[in-house]
Protein backbone atom coordinates (compact mmCIF):
# COMPACT_ATOMS: atom_id res chain seq x y z
CA UNK A 1 -71.41 106.74 107.60
CA UNK A 2 -74.40 109.32 107.36
CA UNK A 3 -76.24 111.01 104.68
CA UNK A 4 -78.73 113.97 105.14
CA UNK A 5 -82.03 114.18 103.46
CA UNK A 6 -83.87 117.05 102.78
CA UNK A 7 -87.62 116.81 102.02
CA UNK A 8 -89.03 119.40 99.80
CA UNK A 9 -92.65 119.84 98.66
CA UNK A 10 -92.31 120.63 94.89
CA UNK A 11 -89.55 119.68 92.14
CA UNK A 12 -88.95 123.45 91.44
CA UNK A 13 -87.93 124.11 94.82
CA UNK A 14 -85.77 120.52 94.92
CA UNK A 15 -83.99 121.92 91.86
CA UNK A 16 -83.37 125.31 93.76
CA UNK A 17 -81.94 123.63 96.63
CA UNK A 18 -79.63 121.30 94.29
CA UNK A 19 -78.30 124.91 92.82
CA UNK A 20 -77.29 125.94 96.39
CA UNK A 21 -80.10 127.98 97.37
CA UNK A 22 -80.80 126.67 100.98
CA UNK A 23 -84.22 128.22 102.17
CA UNK A 24 -84.19 128.76 105.66
CA UNK A 25 -87.43 129.85 107.85
CA UNK A 26 -87.22 131.56 111.14
CA UNK A 27 -87.53 129.42 114.17
CA UNK A 28 -90.67 131.28 115.22
CA UNK A 29 -92.51 130.12 112.10
CA UNK A 30 -92.35 126.64 113.62
CA UNK A 31 -93.85 127.99 116.81
CA UNK A 32 -97.29 128.11 115.22
CA UNK A 33 -97.16 127.57 111.40
CA UNK A 34 -96.35 124.96 108.88
CA UNK A 35 -98.27 121.65 108.92
CA UNK A 36 -99.01 119.79 112.05
CA UNK A 37 -95.80 117.70 112.29
CA UNK A 38 -93.90 121.03 111.70
CA UNK A 39 -95.12 122.78 114.52
CA UNK A 40 -93.42 122.89 117.93
CA UNK A 41 -94.71 125.13 120.40
CA UNK A 42 -91.60 124.10 122.63
CA UNK A 43 -88.94 124.81 120.03
CA UNK A 44 -85.89 126.91 121.57
CA UNK A 45 -86.39 125.85 125.06
CA UNK A 46 -83.23 126.98 127.28
CA UNK A 47 -84.36 124.84 130.14
CA UNK A 48 -86.99 123.18 132.28
CA UNK A 49 -87.41 123.87 135.86
CA UNK A 50 -89.25 121.69 138.49
CA UNK A 51 -92.41 123.27 139.11
CA UNK A 52 -91.90 123.14 142.80
CA UNK A 53 -89.02 125.27 142.71
CA UNK A 54 -91.11 128.10 140.71
CA UNK A 55 -91.92 130.40 143.65
CA UNK A 56 -95.20 132.56 143.34
CA UNK A 57 -97.08 129.81 141.53
CA UNK A 58 -100.42 128.98 143.37
CA UNK A 59 -100.84 125.47 144.70
CA UNK A 60 -103.86 124.90 142.89
CA UNK A 61 -102.04 125.67 139.58
CA UNK A 62 -99.04 123.58 140.29
CA UNK A 63 -101.45 120.42 140.92
CA UNK A 64 -102.77 120.76 137.40
CA UNK A 65 -99.28 121.01 135.84
CA UNK A 66 -98.40 117.81 133.77
CA UNK A 67 -94.80 118.68 133.54
CA UNK A 68 -91.64 120.98 134.52
CA UNK A 69 -92.05 124.62 133.46
CA UNK A 70 -90.38 125.27 129.93
CA UNK A 71 -88.18 128.46 129.51
CA UNK A 72 -88.11 129.58 125.72
CA UNK A 73 -85.72 131.94 124.57
CA UNK A 74 -87.47 134.94 122.67
CA UNK A 75 -84.48 135.96 120.52
CA UNK A 76 -84.55 132.52 118.78
CA UNK A 77 -87.09 134.06 116.50
CA UNK A 78 -84.15 135.90 114.79
CA UNK A 79 -82.46 132.52 113.95
CA UNK A 80 -83.08 130.84 110.42
CA UNK A 81 -83.13 127.02 110.38
CA UNK A 82 -83.03 124.48 107.86
CA UNK A 83 -83.75 120.73 108.76
CA UNK A 84 -82.64 117.22 107.37
CA UNK A 85 -83.38 113.83 108.20
CA UNK A 86 -80.10 112.17 109.25
CA UNK A 87 -79.57 108.79 107.51
CA UNK A 88 -77.51 106.46 109.45
CA UNK A 89 -75.43 103.63 107.55
CA UNK A 90 -73.28 101.01 109.49
CA UNK A 91 -70.31 100.03 106.71
CA UNK A 92 -69.10 97.47 109.04
CA UNK A 93 -72.30 95.42 109.38
CA UNK A 94 -73.41 96.40 105.82
CA UNK A 95 -76.96 97.79 107.15
CA UNK A 96 -78.79 100.71 106.61
CA UNK A 97 -81.66 102.40 108.64
CA UNK A 98 -84.33 103.68 106.04
CA UNK A 99 -86.40 106.66 106.87
CA UNK A 100 -89.84 105.69 108.57
CA UNK A 101 -92.81 106.26 106.03
CA UNK A 102 -93.94 108.73 108.87
CA UNK A 103 -91.51 111.20 107.35
CA UNK A 104 -92.92 111.00 103.85
CA UNK A 105 -95.28 113.89 104.52
CA UNK A 106 -92.70 116.38 104.67
CA UNK A 107 -92.56 116.72 100.95
CA UNK A 108 -92.95 114.86 97.42
CA UNK A 109 -89.33 115.40 96.76
CA UNK A 110 -86.22 114.23 98.63
CA UNK A 111 -82.76 115.83 97.93
CA UNK A 112 -80.17 113.21 99.34
CA UNK A 113 -76.75 114.63 100.30
CA UNK A 114 -74.09 111.99 99.91
CA UNK A 115 -71.30 114.13 101.20
CA UNK A 116 -72.16 115.65 104.55
CA UNK A 117 -68.46 117.20 105.19
CA UNK A 118 -68.53 118.52 101.95
CA UNK A 119 -71.86 120.25 102.36
CA UNK A 120 -70.85 121.64 105.87
CA UNK A 121 -67.89 123.03 104.04
CA UNK A 122 -69.52 124.97 101.57
CA UNK A 123 -72.02 126.34 103.96
CA UNK A 124 -69.09 127.39 106.15
CA UNK A 125 -67.45 129.16 103.30
CA UNK A 126 -70.85 131.05 102.36
CA UNK A 127 -71.38 131.93 106.01
CA UNK A 128 -67.93 133.12 106.75
CA UNK A 129 -67.84 135.79 104.16
CA UNK A 130 -70.35 137.58 106.27
CA UNK A 131 -68.77 139.46 109.39
CA UNK A 132 -70.61 139.07 112.45
CA UNK A 133 -72.75 135.70 111.51
CA UNK A 134 -72.96 132.83 113.54
CA UNK A 135 -73.93 129.44 112.61
CA UNK A 136 -73.92 125.79 113.99
CA UNK A 137 -75.26 122.46 112.65
CA UNK A 138 -75.46 118.86 113.81
CA UNK A 139 -77.84 116.34 115.50
CA UNK A 140 -81.26 117.25 117.22
CA UNK A 141 -81.40 115.68 120.54
CA UNK A 142 -84.76 114.46 121.95
CA UNK A 143 -86.22 114.43 125.51
CA UNK A 144 -88.89 113.18 127.18
CA UNK A 145 -90.78 115.70 129.25
CA UNK A 146 -90.83 115.35 132.81
CA UNK A 147 -92.70 115.91 135.94
CA UNK A 148 -89.95 115.64 138.81
CA UNK A 149 -92.66 115.62 141.38
CA UNK A 150 -94.41 112.44 139.57
CA UNK A 151 -91.74 110.82 137.48
CA UNK A 152 -94.14 108.26 136.23
CA UNK A 153 -96.81 110.63 135.59
CA UNK A 154 -98.99 109.73 132.37
CA UNK A 155 -101.39 112.51 130.82
CA UNK A 156 -103.89 111.63 128.40
CA UNK A 157 -105.18 115.15 127.67
CA UNK A 158 -103.25 118.41 127.81
CA UNK A 159 -103.51 122.11 127.14
CA UNK A 160 -100.39 124.03 126.51
CA UNK A 161 -100.25 127.79 127.90
CA UNK A 162 -97.71 130.57 127.68
CA UNK A 163 -97.27 133.83 129.44
CA UNK A 164 -98.73 136.79 127.75
CA UNK A 165 -95.35 138.34 126.92
CA UNK A 166 -91.77 137.47 127.19
CA UNK A 167 -90.20 138.54 130.57
CA UNK A 168 -86.51 139.30 131.65
CA UNK A 169 -84.79 135.91 132.41
CA UNK A 170 -83.19 137.64 135.51
CA UNK A 171 -86.91 137.58 137.08
CA UNK A 172 -86.89 133.76 137.04
CA UNK A 173 -83.45 133.37 138.35
CA UNK A 174 -80.67 135.20 139.86
CA UNK A 175 -78.28 132.88 138.12
CA UNK A 176 -79.44 132.65 134.40
CA UNK A 177 -76.56 130.76 133.29
CA UNK A 178 -77.75 127.95 135.15
CA UNK A 179 -80.76 127.73 133.17
CA UNK A 180 -78.85 127.52 129.87
CA UNK A 181 -79.11 123.53 129.69
CA UNK A 182 -80.77 123.19 126.30
CA UNK A 183 -80.71 125.27 123.02
CA UNK A 184 -82.08 125.09 119.43
CA UNK A 185 -80.61 121.61 119.13
CA UNK A 186 -83.19 120.19 121.80
CA UNK A 187 -86.75 118.75 120.95
CA UNK A 188 -89.29 116.95 122.90
CA UNK A 189 -89.26 113.01 122.21
CA UNK A 190 -92.58 113.11 120.23
CA UNK A 191 -90.66 114.40 117.37
CA UNK A 192 -87.75 111.67 117.46
CA UNK A 193 -89.00 109.94 114.45
CA UNK A 194 -87.78 112.89 112.36
CA UNK A 195 -84.18 111.80 113.17
CA UNK A 196 -83.30 115.45 112.70
CA UNK A 197 -80.06 117.24 111.66
CA UNK A 198 -79.96 120.86 111.16
CA UNK A 199 -78.40 124.38 110.31
CA UNK A 200 -79.02 127.08 112.73
CA UNK A 201 -77.87 130.56 111.54
CA UNK A 202 -78.03 133.97 113.39
CA UNK A 203 -77.34 137.08 111.11
CA UNK A 204 -76.92 139.38 113.92
CA UNK A 205 -80.01 141.20 112.90
CA UNK A 206 -83.43 140.98 114.59
CA UNK A 207 -85.68 139.88 111.89
CA UNK A 208 -88.25 136.92 111.52
CA UNK A 209 -88.24 136.91 107.81
CA UNK A 210 -86.95 133.71 106.04
CA UNK A 211 -83.52 133.79 104.42
CA UNK A 212 -82.01 132.10 101.42
CA UNK A 213 -78.27 130.97 101.84
CA UNK A 214 -76.53 130.79 98.53
CA UNK A 215 -73.50 128.09 98.80
CA UNK A 216 -73.14 127.38 94.89
CA UNK A 217 -74.31 123.98 93.28
CA UNK A 218 -74.27 120.96 94.99
CA UNK A 219 -75.27 118.43 92.24
CA UNK A 220 -71.74 116.86 92.61
CA UNK A 221 -72.59 115.78 96.13
CA UNK A 222 -76.65 115.33 95.92
CA UNK A 223 -79.28 114.16 93.90
CA UNK A 224 -83.10 114.65 93.86
CA UNK A 225 -85.59 111.50 94.06
CA UNK A 226 -89.29 111.40 94.37
CA UNK A 227 -90.12 110.71 98.28
CA UNK A 228 -92.28 107.34 97.09
CA UNK A 229 -88.98 106.12 95.65
CA UNK A 230 -86.33 107.14 98.34
CA UNK A 231 -86.07 103.77 99.94
CA UNK A 232 -85.63 102.17 96.40
CA UNK A 233 -83.00 104.65 95.83
CA UNK A 234 -81.10 104.13 98.79
CA UNK A 235 -80.99 100.41 98.32
CA UNK A 236 -79.48 101.03 95.06
CA UNK A 237 -77.03 103.55 96.17
CA UNK A 238 -76.14 101.08 99.14
CA UNK A 239 -75.84 97.86 97.10
CA UNK A 240 -75.24 95.11 99.42
CA UNK A 241 -76.46 96.65 102.37
CA UNK A 242 -79.63 95.36 104.45
CA UNK A 243 -82.44 97.34 105.82
CA UNK A 244 -81.96 97.05 109.69
CA UNK A 245 -81.63 99.11 112.84
CA UNK A 246 -78.42 101.12 113.02
CA UNK A 247 -76.87 102.67 116.21
CA UNK A 248 -76.76 106.63 116.14
CA UNK A 249 -73.97 107.64 113.99
CA UNK A 250 -73.47 110.99 115.77
CA UNK A 251 -70.98 113.67 115.29
CA UNK A 252 -69.57 116.68 117.01
CA UNK A 253 -71.23 119.92 116.32
CA UNK A 254 -70.02 121.92 113.48
CA UNK A 255 -69.60 125.61 112.68
CA UNK A 256 -67.91 128.83 113.27
CA UNK A 257 -68.77 129.00 116.89
CA UNK A 258 -69.32 126.55 119.68
CA UNK A 259 -72.78 125.30 120.99
CA UNK A 260 -72.19 126.94 124.35
CA UNK A 261 -71.13 130.27 122.56
CA UNK A 262 -74.08 130.19 120.10
CA UNK A 263 -76.50 129.72 123.04
CA UNK A 264 -75.13 132.44 125.14
CA UNK A 265 -75.09 134.80 122.17
CA UNK A 266 -78.76 134.04 121.45
CA UNK A 267 -79.71 134.47 125.16
CA UNK A 268 -77.97 137.69 125.36
CA UNK A 269 -79.64 139.37 122.35
CA UNK A 270 -82.16 140.81 124.93
CA UNK A 271 -82.25 138.32 127.71
CA UNK A 272 -86.16 137.67 127.37
CA UNK A 273 -87.58 134.56 127.62
CA UNK A 274 -91.24 132.79 127.60
CA UNK A 275 -92.50 130.89 130.44
CA UNK A 276 -94.47 127.83 129.31
CA UNK A 277 -96.62 125.30 131.00
CA UNK A 278 -98.86 122.08 130.04
CA UNK A 279 -101.81 121.54 132.22
CA UNK A 280 -104.00 118.43 132.29
């Protein structure tokens, strides 16, 4: 079993969420804005490329690269996302994995979604009223950043760099489809404690504005609690369950398109990508 938890800064916004107003920032917001734990310079990577396969890079630059080169799809800035903490529950062992205290900084209030499938069905109905919209929701995958030339490389101090403007992906590879190994559901493992489940929406328009998706009242499948009281509330909801580590309760991605199709749709918006690197 799984529940979803949405952390929100103020009670009035939590009430709006409970009424079915799902506020979604553009993905580009998280490239440089928000508080520190929200910012992710590498959000929207389509792939990583071993630095020794990047023709044209000076050797002295390669020597200070900490990890493989990252390729971030520019058109993800036109996608809106809404993120949740995925709460895993084991009904056989009667255990529940309570959220890490680190997650409390994401908001003073928490909306607990007690029916994940019912929630997704309402999202699906709202979105499918709009011709040409694409959405996908599911678990985020976390990856360790690699330097394939030095697999055990440990870096203490680093600096992230990005090309001054996006470029055509065909300038990087004559087979760009081979680079599409990651997408908006992949993040680096420094964020793994967030145990994230997210909704990603592309409305087929080129705007970086936030969007509020209205799905109708969800108070029958969700409740609001103060974040500082969240763990006590969960223990009450799951009476007889014990706090413990729980194996990941992962599910297939859901939406009105496949994960591969969504990834390809975004890349084909203009085929432009950012080349990113970390030195140290």
